[in-house]
C-alpha atoms as a PDB file:
ATOM      1  CA  GLN A   1    -144.386  51.659  96.068  1.00  0.00           C
ATOM      2  CA  LEU A   2    -144.958  53.179  92.473  1.00  0.00           C
ATOM      3  CA  GLN A   3    -145.944  50.553  89.948  1.00  0.00           C
ATOM      4  CA  LEU A   4    -145.954  50.944  86.370  1.00  0.00           C
ATOM      5  CA  VAL A   5    -148.328  49.047  83.797  1.00  0.00           C
ATOM      6  CA  GLU A   6    -147.636  48.994  79.826  1.00  0.00           C
ATOM      7  CA  SER A   7    -150.271  48.149  77.470  1.00  0.00           C
ATOM      8  CA  GLY A   8    -150.777  48.518  73.904  1.00  0.00           C
ATOM      9  CA  GLY A   9    -148.055  46.174  72.585  1.00  0.00           C
ATOM     10  CA  GLY A  10    -148.994  43.435  69.803  1.00  0.00           C
ATOM     11  CA  LEU A  11    -148.499  42.859  66.203  1.00  0.00           C
ATOM     12  CA  VAL A  12    -148.144  45.573  63.781  1.00  0.00           C
ATOM     13  CA  LYS A  13    -147.543  45.872  59.961  1.00  0.00           C
ATOM     14  CA  PRO A  14    -144.220  48.135  58.695  1.00  0.00           C
ATOM     15  CA  GLY A  15    -145.966  51.423  58.196  1.00  0.00           C
ATOM     16  CA  GLY A  16    -148.755  50.993  60.476  1.00  0.00           C
ATOM     17  CA  SER A  17    -149.120  52.796  63.545  1.00  0.00           C
ATOM     18  CA  LEU A  18    -149.427  51.612  67.627  1.00  0.00           C
ATOM     19  CA  THR A  19    -149.723  53.602  70.849  1.00  0.00           C
ATOM     20  CA  LEU A  20    -148.173  52.088  73.909  1.00  0.00           C
ATOM     21  CA  SER A  21    -149.101  53.377  77.411  1.00  0.00           C
ATOM     22  CA  CYS A  22    -147.642  53.431  80.487  1.00  0.00           C
ATOM     23  CA  THR A  23    -149.975  54.139  83.380  1.00  0.00           C
ATOM     24  CA  SER A  24    -150.117  54.427  87.260  1.00  0.00           C
ATOM     25  CA  SER A  25    -152.453  54.411  90.053  1.00  0.00           C
ATOM     26  CA  ASP A  26    -150.003  55.992  92.503  1.00  0.00           C
ATOM     27  CA  PHE A  27    -150.016  60.068  93.022  1.00  0.00           C
ATOM     28  CA  THR A  28    -146.325  60.012  92.938  1.00  0.00           C
ATOM     29  CA  PHE A  29    -146.576  59.072  89.340  1.00  0.00           C
ATOM     30  CA  ASP A  30    -146.744  62.835  88.700  1.00  0.00           C
ATOM     31  CA  TYR A  31    -143.608  63.542  90.409  1.00  0.00           C
ATOM     32  CA  ASN A  32    -141.369  61.113  88.132  1.00  0.00           C
ATOM     33  CA  SER A  33    -139.651  61.736  84.780  1.00  0.00           C
ATOM     34  CA  ILE A  34    -140.751  58.831  82.455  1.00  0.00           C
ATOM     35  CA  GLY A  35    -138.760  57.085  79.813  1.00  0.00           C
ATOM     36  CA  TRP A  36    -139.579  54.438  77.218  1.00  0.00           C
ATOM     37  CA  PHE A  37    -136.686  51.721  76.599  1.00  0.00           C
ATOM     38  CA  ARG A  38    -136.754  48.865  74.360  1.00  0.00           C
ATOM     39  CA  GLN A  39    -134.565  45.481  74.463  1.00  0.00           C
ATOM     40  CA  ALA A  40    -134.682  43.116  71.338  1.00  0.00           C
ATOM     41  CA  PRO A  41    -133.181  39.724  71.517  1.00  0.00           C
ATOM     42  CA  GLY A  42    -129.317  39.607  72.080  1.00  0.00           C
ATOM     43  CA  LYS A  43    -129.315  43.275  72.378  1.00  0.00           C
ATOM     44  CA  GLU A  44    -129.032  45.992  75.378  1.00  0.00           C
ATOM     45  CA  ARG A  45    -131.837  47.707  76.445  1.00  0.00           C
ATOM     46  CA  GLU A  46    -131.913  51.371  74.629  1.00  0.00           C
ATOM     47  CA  GLY A  47    -133.456  54.201  75.484  1.00  0.00           C
ATOM     48  CA  VAL A  48    -136.322  55.104  73.167  1.00  0.00           C
ATOM     49  CA  ALA A  49    -137.858  58.677  74.451  1.00  0.00           C
ATOM     50  CA  CYS A  50    -138.435  60.337  77.893  1.00  0.00           C
ATOM     51  CA  VAL A  51    -140.391  63.107  79.293  1.00  0.00           C
ATOM     52  CA  SER A  52    -140.190  65.421  82.259  1.00  0.00           C
ATOM     53  CA  ALA A  53    -142.702  65.460  85.271  1.00  0.00           C
ATOM     54  CA  SER A  54    -144.375  68.259  84.053  1.00  0.00           C
ATOM     55  CA  GLY A  55    -144.533  67.229  80.159  1.00  0.00           C
ATOM     56  CA  GLY A  56    -142.603  70.024  79.212  1.00  0.00           C
ATOM     57  CA  VAL A  57    -139.410  68.620  77.986  1.00  0.00           C
ATOM     58  CA  ARG A  58    -138.862  65.414  75.589  1.00  0.00           C
ATOM     59  CA  HIS A  59    -136.291  63.582  74.176  1.00  0.00           C
ATOM     60  CA  HIS A  60    -136.201  61.021  71.312  1.00  0.00           C
ATOM     61  CA  ALA A  61    -133.314  58.632  70.037  1.00  0.00           C
ATOM     62  CA  ASP A  62    -132.273  59.520  66.903  1.00  0.00           C
ATOM     63  CA  SER A  63    -133.381  56.035  65.748  1.00  0.00           C
ATOM     64  CA  VAL A  64    -137.030  56.983  66.005  1.00  0.00           C
ATOM     65  CA  LYS A  65    -136.997  60.870  65.668  1.00  0.00           C
ATOM     66  CA  GLY A  66    -139.699  61.890  63.223  1.00  0.00           C
ATOM     67  CA  ARG A  67    -141.455  58.425  63.551  1.00  0.00           C
ATOM     68  CA  PHE A  68    -142.229  57.956  67.330  1.00  0.00           C
ATOM     69  CA  ALA A  69    -143.607  60.632  69.807  1.00  0.00           C
ATOM     70  CA  ILE A  70    -143.753  60.583  73.357  1.00  0.00           C
ATOM     71  CA  PHE A  71    -146.734  62.505  75.208  1.00  0.00           C
ATOM     72  CA  ARG A  72    -147.781  63.000  78.833  1.00  0.00           C
ATOM     73  CA  HIS A  73    -151.355  63.301  79.889  1.00  0.00           C
ATOM     74  CA  THR A  74    -150.610  64.960  82.997  1.00  0.00           C
ATOM     75  CA  THR A  75    -154.579  64.784  84.270  1.00  0.00           C
ATOM     76  CA  GLU A  76    -154.643  61.078  83.759  1.00  0.00           C
ATOM     77  CA  LYS A  77    -151.271  59.626  85.029  1.00  0.00           C
ATOM     78  CA  LYS A  78    -150.234  58.299  81.530  1.00  0.00           C
ATOM     79  CA  VAL A  79    -147.679  58.780  79.250  1.00  0.00           C
ATOM     80  CA  ASP A  80    -147.835  57.400  75.432  1.00  0.00           C
ATOM     81  CA  LEU A  81    -145.328  56.222  73.102  1.00  0.00           C
ATOM     82  CA  ILE A  82    -147.109  56.747  69.962  1.00  0.00           C
ATOM     83  CA  MET A  83    -145.364  54.853  67.317  1.00  0.00           C
ATOM     84  CA  ASN A  84    -145.645  55.769  63.665  1.00  0.00           C
ATOM     85  CA  ILE A  85    -144.276  54.218  60.410  1.00  0.00           C
ATOM     86  CA  PRO A  86    -142.643  51.301  62.895  1.00  0.00           C
ATOM     87  CA  ARG A  87    -140.018  49.265  61.037  1.00  0.00           C
ATOM     88  CA  PRO A  88    -139.140  45.688  61.536  1.00  0.00           C
ATOM     89  CA  ASP A  89    -136.092  46.539  63.376  1.00  0.00           C
ATOM     90  CA  ASP A  90    -138.180  48.044  65.990  1.00  0.00           C
ATOM     91  CA  THR A  91    -139.405  45.050  67.091  1.00  0.00           C
ATOM     92  CA  ALA A  92    -138.640  44.509  71.001  1.00  0.00           C
ATOM     93  CA  VAL A  93    -139.938  44.454  74.207  1.00  0.00           C
ATOM     94  CA  TYR A  94    -140.815  47.796  75.267  1.00  0.00           C
ATOM     95  CA  TYR A  95    -140.560  48.939  78.864  1.00  0.00           C
ATOM     96  CA  CYS A  96    -141.458  52.110  80.809  1.00  0.00           C
ATOM     97  CA  ALA A  97    -139.745  53.470  83.669  1.00  0.00           C
ATOM     98  CA  ALA A  98    -139.898  56.190  86.242  1.00  0.00           C
ATOM     99  CA  LYS A  99    -137.098  58.326  87.940  1.00  0.00           C
ATOM    100  CA  TYR A 100    -138.223  60.600  90.717  1.00  0.00           C
ATOM    101  CA  ASP A 101    -137.317  64.143  89.494  1.00  0.00           C
ATOM    102  CA  LEU A 102    -139.196  67.127  89.446  1.00  0.00           C
ATOM    103  CA  GLN A 103    -136.725  69.094  87.432  1.00  0.00           C
ATOM    104  CA  PRO A 104    -137.383  69.938  83.769  1.00  0.00           C
ATOM    105  CA  MET A 105    -135.093  67.195  82.519  1.00  0.00           C
ATOM    106  CA  CYS A 106    -135.448  63.470  81.579  1.00  0.00           C
ATOM    107  CA  ALA A 107    -132.875  61.062  81.069  1.00  0.00           C
ATOM    108  CA  MET A 108    -132.323  58.308  78.153  1.00  0.00           C
ATOM    109  CA  THR A 109    -130.048  56.086  80.350  1.00  0.00           C
ATOM    110  CA  ALA A 110    -131.484  53.031  81.692  1.00  0.00           C
ATOM    111  CA  SER A 111    -129.465  53.030  85.086  1.00  0.00           C
ATOM    112  CA  GLU A 112    -131.128  56.683  86.064  1.00  0.00           C
ATOM    113  CA  TYR A 113    -134.401  54.901  86.565  1.00  0.00           C
ATOM    114  CA  SER A 114    -135.584  53.145  89.714  1.00  0.00           C
ATOM    115  CA  VAL A 115    -139.149  52.137  88.965  1.00  0.00           C
ATOM    116  CA  TRP A 116    -140.022  49.578  85.818  1.00  0.00           C
ATOM    117  CA  GLY A 117    -142.875  47.984  84.156  1.00  0.00           C
ATOM    118  CA  GLN A 118    -143.061  44.317  83.315  1.00  0.00           C
ATOM    119  CA  GLY A 119    -142.759  45.216  79.534  1.00  0.00           C
ATOM    120  CA  THR A 120    -144.939  44.532  76.199  1.00  0.00           C
ATOM    121  CA  GLN A 121    -144.098  42.940  73.219  1.00  0.00           C
ATOM    122  CA  VAL A 122    -143.894  44.795  69.792  1.00  0.00           C
ATOM    123  CA  THR A 123    -143.647  42.912  66.849  1.00  0.00           C
ATOM    124  CA  VAL A 124    -143.303  44.784  63.560  1.00  0.00           C
ATOM    125  CA  SER A 125    -143.886  42.337  60.677  1.00  0.00           C
ATOM    126  CA  SER A 126    -146.059  41.874  57.741  1.00  0.00           C
END
């Protein structure tokens, strides 16, 4: 069973930077597209970014375009979410999720993903 582990969350000041990582020790990680999602208190879970199994296709939500970047380290079984210029409204629990899919595509909809990490808290505050 594929398991995902998020790391890198914490407190960051507005305008700073933070990198979240999603890792796995399972070889099947490479056969999955990976999505990063977030959920703030009282809000629905929303897609932040996703990357295809090969790493060649990436999508970012409009709210984070130009500030966040998803990157897949194909030799390390790791997908990073690089958060630049974070804002207070980026505060949320961030989750990574996996969908078995070898196609050059990825989804930004939570219901498409079957395996989820435990989440990591990101708080943007001065």
